[in-house]
Amino acid sequence: MNVEEIWKQVDWASQARNIVNMLSKFPNDSKIILILRHSHRNEPKPLENVNKLRLTPQGHAIAEKFGEGLPISRPIRLFHSIIWRCEETAVNIHNGFKKVGGESEFLEKFEPLHNLGINNRAVLKKFKNYKFREIMYLWAVGFFHSKDWEPFISYCQNTAHLISEHLKDAPENGINIYVTHDWHLMSLRFGWFGLPPDLQWVKFLGGFAFIFEDDHFLLLERGELKSVQAPHWWKSNF
């Protein structure tokens, strides 16, 4: 396997390459939060349980390559979903960063990276009738009963609060990395920054990074570093 060639050429790693290349644009003394989708997996076969899918050999190798490319001057801390491929991704990033001399702390599983707050499995049956983006809009506007599915804004606010608690004891120039799934990542992107889900879905090892400054975010996503207004409730968390 030619890891260098895969890293430079495969389309699914394009967002990962952008993140690695752009993290240096943040202020040196800032605490960065990086929300990341897990690395490459195969598409599930009919009736196959997607939660049991592990990383492919490419997925392992490119996650480690991603770790090797992170700015070595910034210590990292890793949190992950309980699903195997997210833990595998976090382990590979940890190993890659340590391999080049970086300071990395592999931390615990983090429930909001896996649990979207669905309390009634019957809700999942409705997913068959809609596309992912449509479901997210329905969730955001309160289409589902709160007993069946935690309200969208509640999920986003609670996750923000928990992440802010992690940030309190993070190194001043560190990066807290959260390895999760596409659905969770796109939901937080919508709920925190007001960026609705679109046809450009998040790729493997894609995601966004940000810092909070006064009343706004400095957000890195899709290869661009930009200022984004924060919701009114965010400052109370940070």
C-alpha atoms as a PDB file:
ATOM      1  CA  MET A   1       0.000   0.000   0.000  1.00  0.00           C
ATOM      2  CA  ASN A   2       1.414   3.385  -1.025  1.00  0.00           C
ATOM      3  CA  VAL A   3       0.156   5.528   1.851  1.00  0.00           C
ATOM      4  CA  GLU A   4       1.695   8.739   0.536  1.00  0.00           C
ATOM      5  CA  GLU A   5      -0.026   8.304  -2.835  1.00  0.00           C
ATOM      6  CA  ILE A   6      -3.381   7.533  -1.217  1.00  0.00           C
ATOM      7  CA  TRP A   7      -3.067  10.534   1.085  1.00  0.00           C
ATOM      8  CA  LYS A   8      -2.314  12.910  -1.778  1.00  0.00           C
ATOM      9  CA  GLN A   9      -4.717  11.563  -4.398  1.00  0.00           C
ATOM     10  CA  VAL A  10      -7.879   9.901  -3.047  1.00  0.00           C
ATOM     11  CA  ASP A  11     -10.951  12.130  -3.017  1.00  0.00           C
ATOM     12  CA  TRP A  12     -12.270  10.967   0.355  1.00  0.00           C
ATOM     13  CA  ALA A  13      -9.112  12.292   2.074  1.00  0.00           C
ATOM     14  CA  SER A  14      -9.374  15.776   0.529  1.00  0.00           C
ATOM     15  CA  GLN A  15     -11.061  17.353   3.552  1.00  0.00           C
ATOM     16  CA  ALA A  16      -8.523  15.722   5.877  1.00  0.00           C
ATOM     17  CA  ARG A  17      -5.688  17.235   3.849  1.00  0.00           C
ATOM     18  CA  ASN A  18      -7.303  20.676   4.064  1.00  0.00           C
ATOM     19  CA  ILE A  19      -7.639  20.427   7.846  1.00  0.00           C
ATOM     20  CA  VAL A  20      -4.000  19.443   8.328  1.00  0.00           C
ATOM     21  CA  ASN A  21      -2.827  22.225   6.016  1.00  0.00           C
ATOM     22  CA  MET A  22      -4.987  24.942   7.606  1.00  0.00           C
ATOM     23  CA  LEU A  23      -4.700  24.325  11.382  1.00  0.00           C
ATOM     24  CA  SER A  24      -1.576  26.478  11.478  1.00  0.00           C
ATOM     25  CA  LYS A  25      -3.739  29.504  10.568  1.00  0.00           C
ATOM     26  CA  PHE A  26      -5.254  29.664  14.060  1.00  0.00           C
ATOM     27  CA  PRO A  27      -3.636  31.995  16.643  1.00  0.00           C
ATOM     28  CA  ASN A  28      -0.712  30.268  18.361  1.00  0.00           C
ATOM     29  CA  ASP A  29      -2.086  30.467  21.911  1.00  0.00           C
ATOM     30  CA  SER A  30      -5.628  29.325  21.059  1.00  0.00           C
ATOM     31  CA  LYS A  31      -7.395  26.179  22.255  1.00  0.00           C
ATOM     32  CA  ILE A  32      -8.773  24.477  19.158  1.00  0.00           C
ATOM     33  CA  ILE A  33     -11.784  22.159  19.034  1.00  0.00           C
ATOM     34  CA  LEU A  34     -11.728  19.729  16.093  1.00  0.00           C
ATOM     35  CA  ILE A  35     -14.836  17.686  15.290  1.00  0.00           C
ATOM     36  CA  LEU A  36     -13.845  14.876  12.949  1.00  0.00           C
ATOM     37  CA  ARG A  37     -15.615  12.080  11.122  1.00  0.00           C
ATOM     38  CA  HIS A  38     -14.026   8.641  11.452  1.00  0.00           C
ATOM     39  CA  SER A  39     -11.683   7.342   8.762  1.00  0.00           C
ATOM     40  CA  HIS A  40     -12.533   5.169   5.750  1.00  0.00           C
ATOM     41  CA  ARG A  41     -14.913   2.215   6.045  1.00  0.00           C
ATOM     42  CA  ASN A  42     -16.663   0.108   3.441  1.00  0.00           C
ATOM     43  CA  GLU A  43     -20.300   0.718   2.575  1.00  0.00           C
ATOM     44  CA  PRO A  44     -22.629  -1.631   4.483  1.00  0.00           C
ATOM     45  CA  LYS A  45     -24.107  -4.590   2.651  1.00  0.00           C
ATOM     46  CA  PRO A  46     -27.892  -5.185   2.755  1.00  0.00           C
ATOM     47  CA  LEU A  47     -28.982  -6.083   6.314  1.00  0.00           C
ATOM     48  CA  GLU A  48     -25.444  -5.511   7.615  1.00  0.00           C
ATOM     49  CA  ASN A  49     -25.209  -3.673  10.948  1.00  0.00           C
ATOM     50  CA  VAL A  50     -23.394  -0.428  10.123  1.00  0.00           C
ATOM     51  CA  ASN A  51     -22.352  -0.004  13.758  1.00  0.00           C
ATOM     52  CA  LYS A  52     -20.127  -3.075  13.461  1.00  0.00           C
ATOM     53  CA  LEU A  53     -18.195  -1.906  10.409  1.00  0.00           C
ATOM     54  CA  ARG A  54     -14.497  -1.398  11.144  1.00  0.00           C
ATOM     55  CA  LEU A  55     -11.939   0.718   9.330  1.00  0.00           C
ATOM     56  CA  THR A  56     -10.440  -0.544   6.094  1.00  0.00           C
ATOM     57  CA  PRO A  57      -6.629  -0.926   5.813  1.00  0.00           C
ATOM     58  CA  GLN A  58      -6.643   2.410   3.974  1.00  0.00           C
ATOM     59  CA  GLY A  59      -8.700   3.910   6.779  1.00  0.00           C
ATOM     60  CA  HIS A  60      -6.144   2.872   9.389  1.00  0.00           C
ATOM     61  CA  ALA A  61      -3.169   4.089   7.359  1.00  0.00           C
ATOM     62  CA  ILE A  62      -4.624   7.469   6.427  1.00  0.00           C
ATOM     63  CA  ALA A  63      -5.805   8.175   9.987  1.00  0.00           C
ATOM     64  CA  GLU A  64      -2.219   7.618  11.153  1.00  0.00           C
ATOM     65  CA  LYS A  65      -0.982   9.829   8.317  1.00  0.00           C
ATOM     66  CA  PHE A  66      -3.440  12.506   9.477  1.00  0.00           C
ATOM     67  CA  GLY A  67      -1.921  12.311  12.966  1.00  0.00           C
ATOM     68  CA  GLU A  68       1.576  12.682  11.546  1.00  0.00           C
ATOM     69  CA  GLY A  69       0.520  15.890   9.805  1.00  0.00           C
ATOM     70  CA  LEU A  70      -0.946  17.708  12.814  1.00  0.00           C
ATOM     71  CA  PRO A  71       1.065  20.721  14.065  1.00  0.00           C
ATOM     72  CA  ILE A  72       3.651  19.217  16.403  1.00  0.00           C
ATOM     73  CA  SER A  73       3.797  22.353  18.553  1.00  0.00           C
ATOM     74  CA  ARG A  74       0.232  21.743  19.740  1.00  0.00           C
ATOM     75  CA  PRO A  75      -0.501  18.905  22.205  1.00  0.00           C
ATOM     76  CA  ILE A  76      -3.632  16.938  21.304  1.00  0.00           C
ATOM     77  CA  ARG A  77      -6.301  15.154  23.340  1.00  0.00           C
ATOM     78  CA  LEU A  78      -8.595  12.589  21.740  1.00  0.00           C
ATOM     79  CA  PHE A  79     -12.212  11.722  22.506  1.00  0.00           C
ATOM     80  CA  HIS A  80     -14.283   9.287  20.464  1.00  0.00           C
ATOM     81  CA  SER A  81     -17.623   7.601  19.884  1.00  0.00           C
ATOM     82  CA  ILE A  82     -18.071   4.121  21.369  1.00  0.00           C
ATOM     83  CA  ILE A  83     -18.322   2.636  17.858  1.00  0.00           C
ATOM     84  CA  TRP A  84     -15.187   0.665  16.946  1.00  0.00           C
ATOM     85  CA  ARG A  85     -14.228   2.598  13.819  1.00  0.00           C
ATOM     86  CA  CYS A  86     -14.202   5.875  15.760  1.00  0.00           C
ATOM     87  CA  GLU A  87     -11.993   4.414  18.468  1.00  0.00           C
ATOM     88  CA  GLU A  88      -9.727   2.919  15.787  1.00  0.00           C
ATOM     89  CA  THR A  89      -9.474   6.322  14.103  1.00  0.00           C
ATOM     90  CA  ALA A  90      -8.573   8.008  17.376  1.00  0.00           C
ATOM     91  CA  VAL A  91      -5.936   5.360  18.160  1.00  0.00           C
ATOM     92  CA  ASN A  92      -4.378   5.759  14.721  1.00  0.00           C
ATOM     93  CA  ILE A  93      -4.259   9.560  14.993  1.00  0.00           C
ATOM     94  CA  HIS A  94      -2.705   9.207  18.464  1.00  0.00           C
ATOM     95  CA  ASN A  95      -0.073   6.787  17.161  1.00  0.00           C
ATOM     96  CA  GLY A  96       0.732   8.929  14.134  1.00  0.00           C
ATOM     97  CA  PHE A  97       1.179  12.066  16.208  1.00  0.00           C
ATOM     98  CA  LYS A  98       3.354  10.265  18.767  1.00  0.00           C
ATOM     99  CA  LYS A  99       5.390   8.795  15.911  1.00  0.00           C
ATOM    100  CA  VAL A 100       6.593  12.248  14.858  1.00  0.00           C
ATOM    101  CA  GLY A 101       7.262  13.347  18.435  1.00  0.00           C
ATOM    102  CA  GLY A 102       3.951  15.004  19.269  1.00  0.00           C
ATOM    103  CA  GLU A 103       2.380  15.070  22.726  1.00  0.00           C
ATOM    104  CA  SER A 104      -0.905  13.150  22.673  1.00  0.00           C
ATOM    105  CA  GLU A 105      -3.354  12.076  25.360  1.00  0.00           C
ATOM    106  CA  PHE A 106      -5.856   9.354  24.476  1.00  0.00           C
ATOM    107  CA  LEU A 107      -8.953  10.007  26.568  1.00  0.00           C
ATOM    108  CA  GLU A 108     -12.313   8.418  27.164  1.00  0.00           C
ATOM    109  CA  LYS A 109     -15.344   7.622  25.072  1.00  0.00           C
ATOM    110  CA  PHE A 110     -17.699  10.590  24.792  1.00  0.00           C
ATOM    111  CA  GLU A 111     -21.403   9.732  24.632  1.00  0.00           C
ATOM    112  CA  PRO A 112     -22.714  12.642  22.491  1.00  0.00           C
ATOM    113  CA  LEU A 113     -20.406  11.480  19.694  1.00  0.00           C
ATOM    114  CA  HIS A 114     -22.545   8.343  19.407  1.00  0.00           C
ATOM    115  CA  ASN A 115     -25.886   9.051  21.075  1.00  0.00           C
ATOM    116  CA  LEU A 116     -28.129  11.555  19.277  1.00  0.00           C
ATOM    117  CA  GLY A 117     -30.755  11.272  22.000  1.00  0.00           C
ATOM    118  CA  ILE A 118     -33.147   8.921  20.208  1.00  0.00           C
ATOM    119  CA  ASN A 119     -35.190   7.232  22.949  1.00  0.00           C
ATOM    120  CA  ASN A 120     -37.769   5.443  20.815  1.00  0.00           C
ATOM    121  CA  ARG A 121     -36.547   2.994  18.176  1.00  0.00           C
ATOM    122  CA  ALA A 122     -39.771   3.543  16.253  1.00  0.00           C
ATOM    123  CA  VAL A 123     -38.352   6.904  15.165  1.00  0.00           C
ATOM    124  CA  LEU A 124     -35.700   5.076  13.167  1.00  0.00           C
ATOM    125  CA  LYS A 125     -38.345   3.444  10.981  1.00  0.00           C
ATOM    126  CA  LYS A 126     -39.364   6.873   9.729  1.00  0.00           C
ATOM    127  CA  PHE A 127     -35.838   7.411   8.401  1.00  0.00           C
ATOM    128  CA  LYS A 128     -36.594   5.095   5.476  1.00  0.00           C
ATOM    129  CA  ASN A 129     -39.029   7.633   4.059  1.00  0.00           C
ATOM    130  CA  TYR A 130     -36.655  10.594   4.053  1.00  0.00           C
ATOM    131  CA  LYS A 131     -33.162  11.582   3.035  1.00  0.00           C
ATOM    132  CA  PHE A 132     -30.666  12.410   5.785  1.00  0.00           C
ATOM    133  CA  ARG A 133     -30.934  16.158   5.218  1.00  0.00           C
ATOM    134  CA  GLU A 134     -34.723  16.029   5.374  1.00  0.00           C
ATOM    135  CA  ILE A 135     -34.638  14.139   8.664  1.00  0.00           C
ATOM    136  CA  MET A 136     -32.287  16.707  10.144  1.00  0.00           C
ATOM    137  CA  TYR A 137     -34.608  19.551   9.185  1.00  0.00           C
ATOM    138  CA  LEU A 138     -37.568  17.711  10.715  1.00  0.00           C
ATOM    139  CA  TRP A 139     -35.596  17.146  13.918  1.00  0.00           C
ATOM    140  CA  ALA A 140     -34.515  20.799  14.037  1.00  0.00           C
ATOM    141  CA  VAL A 141     -38.083  22.139  13.772  1.00  0.00           C
ATOM    142  CA  GLY A 142     -39.430  19.838  16.493  1.00  0.00           C
ATOM    143  CA  PHE A 143     -41.263  17.361  14.274  1.00  0.00           C
ATOM    144  CA  PHE A 144     -40.565  14.482  16.685  1.00  0.00           C
ATOM    145  CA  HIS A 145     -41.903  14.265  20.240  1.00  0.00           C
ATOM    146  CA  SER A 146     -39.266  15.153  22.824  1.00  0.00           C
ATOM    147  CA  LYS A 147     -39.936  11.862  24.624  1.00  0.00           C
ATOM    148  CA  ASP A 148     -38.955   9.981  21.474  1.00  0.00           C
ATOM    149  CA  TRP A 149     -36.017  12.118  20.407  1.00  0.00           C
ATOM    150  CA  GLU A 150     -34.200  14.780  22.412  1.00  0.00           C
ATOM    151  CA  PRO A 151     -34.885  18.158  20.779  1.00  0.00           C
ATOM    152  CA  PHE A 152     -32.263  19.251  18.279  1.00  0.00           C
ATOM    153  CA  ILE A 153     -31.265  22.459  20.043  1.00  0.00           C
ATOM    154  CA  SER A 154     -31.037  20.632  23.372  1.00  0.00           C
ATOM    155  CA  TYR A 155     -28.635  18.076  21.882  1.00  0.00           C
ATOM    156  CA  CYS A 156     -26.473  20.824  20.372  1.00  0.00           C
ATOM    157  CA  GLN A 157     -26.425  22.938  23.542  1.00  0.00           C
ATOM    158  CA  ASN A 158     -25.714  20.012  25.871  1.00  0.00           C
ATOM    159  CA  THR A 159     -22.871  18.792  23.665  1.00  0.00           C
ATOM    160  CA  ALA A 160     -21.399  22.304  23.565  1.00  0.00           C
ATOM    161  CA  HIS A 161     -21.537  22.513  27.360  1.00  0.00           C
ATOM    162  CA  LEU A 162     -19.752  19.188  27.833  1.00  0.00           C
ATOM    163  CA  ILE A 163     -17.071  20.100  25.306  1.00  0.00           C
ATOM    164  CA  SER A 164     -16.558  23.443  27.046  1.00  0.00           C
ATOM    165  CA  GLU A 165     -15.908  21.567  30.297  1.00  0.00           C
ATOM    166  CA  HIS A 166     -13.177  19.563  28.545  1.00  0.00           C
ATOM    167  CA  LEU A 167     -11.629  22.793  27.313  1.00  0.00           C
ATOM    168  CA  LYS A 168     -11.115  24.218  30.800  1.00  0.00           C
ATOM    169  CA  ASP A 169      -8.166  21.961  31.613  1.00  0.00           C
ATOM    170  CA  ALA A 170      -6.811  21.730  28.050  1.00  0.00           C
ATOM    171  CA  PRO A 171      -3.340  23.141  27.280  1.00  0.00           C
ATOM    172  CA  GLU A 172      -3.426  26.776  26.166  1.00  0.00           C
ATOM    173  CA  ASN A 173      -2.331  25.898  22.634  1.00  0.00           C
ATOM    174  CA  GLY A 174      -3.802  22.408  22.484  1.00  0.00           C
ATOM    175  CA  ILE A 175      -6.265  20.696  20.164  1.00  0.00           C
ATOM    176  CA  ASN A 176      -9.182  18.676  21.545  1.00  0.00           C
ATOM    177  CA  ILE A 177     -10.165  16.179  18.834  1.00  0.00           C
ATOM    178  CA  TYR A 178     -13.600  14.512  18.822  1.00  0.00           C
ATOM    179  CA  VAL A 179     -13.991  11.537  16.485  1.00  0.00           C
ATOM    180  CA  THR A 180     -17.623  10.934  15.592  1.00  0.00           C
ATOM    181  CA  HIS A 181     -20.006  10.132  12.701  1.00  0.00           C
ATOM    182  CA  ASP A 182     -21.268  12.146   9.741  1.00  0.00           C
ATOM    183  CA  TRP A 183     -24.753  12.615  11.184  1.00  0.00           C
ATOM    184  CA  HIS A 184     -23.510  13.960  14.507  1.00  0.00           C
ATOM    185  CA  LEU A 185     -20.968  16.227  12.868  1.00  0.00           C
ATOM    186  CA  MET A 186     -23.435  17.745  10.402  1.00  0.00           C
ATOM    187  CA  SER A 187     -25.984  18.247  13.196  1.00  0.00           C
ATOM    188  CA  LEU A 188     -23.495  20.176  15.342  1.00  0.00           C
ATOM    189  CA  ARG A 189     -22.373  22.193  12.316  1.00  0.00           C
ATOM    190  CA  PHE A 190     -26.003  23.229  11.803  1.00  0.00           C
ATOM    191  CA  GLY A 191     -26.837  23.809  15.472  1.00  0.00           C
ATOM    192  CA  TRP A 192     -23.682  25.733  16.389  1.00  0.00           C
ATOM    193  CA  PHE A 193     -22.904  27.771  13.278  1.00  0.00           C
ATOM    194  CA  GLY A 194     -26.277  27.948  11.522  1.00  0.00           C
ATOM    195  CA  LEU A 195     -24.856  26.167   8.465  1.00  0.00           C
ATOM    196  CA  PRO A 196     -27.605  23.887   7.147  1.00  0.00           C
ATOM    197  CA  PRO A 197     -26.767  20.465   5.718  1.00  0.00           C
ATOM    198  CA  ASP A 198     -26.312  20.528   1.962  1.00  0.00           C
ATOM    199  CA  LEU A 199     -25.408  18.159  -0.830  1.00  0.00           C
ATOM    200  CA  GLN A 200     -21.702  18.473   0.008  1.00  0.00           C
ATOM    201  CA  TRP A 201     -21.686  15.869   2.769  1.00  0.00           C
ATOM    202  CA  VAL A 202     -18.725  15.371   5.090  1.00  0.00           C
ATOM    203  CA  LYS A 203     -16.073  12.938   3.828  1.00  0.00           C
ATOM    204  CA  PHE A 204     -14.115  10.396   5.853  1.00  0.00           C
ATOM    205  CA  LEU A 205     -11.710  12.238   8.185  1.00  0.00           C
ATOM    206  CA  GLY A 206     -13.476  15.456   7.241  1.00  0.00           C
ATOM    207  CA  GLY A 207     -14.946  17.890   9.708  1.00  0.00           C
ATOM    208  CA  PHE A 208     -14.448  21.348  11.142  1.00  0.00           C
ATOM    209  CA  ALA A 209     -12.216  23.107  13.666  1.00  0.00           C
ATOM    210  CA  PHE A 210     -12.919  26.286  15.585  1.00  0.00           C
ATOM    211  CA  ILE A 211     -12.079  28.573  18.473  1.00  0.00           C
ATOM    212  CA  PHE A 212     -14.470  30.896  20.308  1.00  0.00           C
ATOM    213  CA  GLU A 213     -13.584  34.590  20.543  1.00  0.00           C
ATOM    214  CA  ASP A 214     -15.871  37.025  22.403  1.00  0.00           C
ATOM    215  CA  ASP A 215     -19.181  36.685  20.525  1.00  0.00           C
ATOM    216  CA  HIS A 216     -18.044  34.816  17.432  1.00  0.00           C
ATOM    217  CA  PHE A 217     -16.248  31.724  16.164  1.00  0.00           C
ATOM    218  CA  LEU A 218     -13.138  31.497  14.074  1.00  0.00           C
ATOM    219  CA  LEU A 219     -14.192  28.491  12.019  1.00  0.00           C
ATOM    220  CA  LEU A 220     -12.175  26.271   9.708  1.00  0.00           C
ATOM    221  CA  GLU A 221     -14.289  24.223   7.345  1.00  0.00           C
ATOM    222  CA  ARG A 222     -14.093  23.202   3.703  1.00  0.00           C
ATOM    223  CA  GLY A 223     -10.644  24.704   3.340  1.00  0.00           C
ATOM    224  CA  GLU A 224     -11.636  28.184   4.527  1.00  0.00           C
ATOM    225  CA  LEU A 225     -10.958  30.000   7.812  1.00  0.00           C
ATOM    226  CA  LYS A 226     -13.759  32.457   8.521  1.00  0.00           C
ATOM    227  CA  SER A 227     -15.496  34.407  11.273  1.00  0.00           C
ATOM    228  CA  VAL A 228     -18.993  33.150  12.126  1.00  0.00           C
ATOM    229  CA  GLN A 229     -21.461  34.687  14.560  1.00  0.00           C
ATOM    230  CA  ALA A 230     -22.105  32.572  17.683  1.00  0.00           C
ATOM    231  CA  PRO A 231     -25.645  31.793  18.892  1.00  0.00           C
ATOM    232  CA  HIS A 232     -26.822  33.819  21.897  1.00  0.00           C
ATOM    233  CA  TRP A 233     -26.508  30.880  24.304  1.00  0.00           C
ATOM    234  CA  TRP A 234     -22.908  29.968  23.467  1.00  0.00           C
ATOM    235  CA  LYS A 235     -21.132  32.549  25.644  1.00  0.00           C
ATOM    236  CA  SER A 236     -22.657  31.082  28.812  1.00  0.00           C
ATOM    237  CA  ASN A 237     -20.931  27.788  27.994  1.00  0.00           C
ATOM    238  CA  PHE A 238     -17.533  29.311  27.294  1.00  0.00           C
END
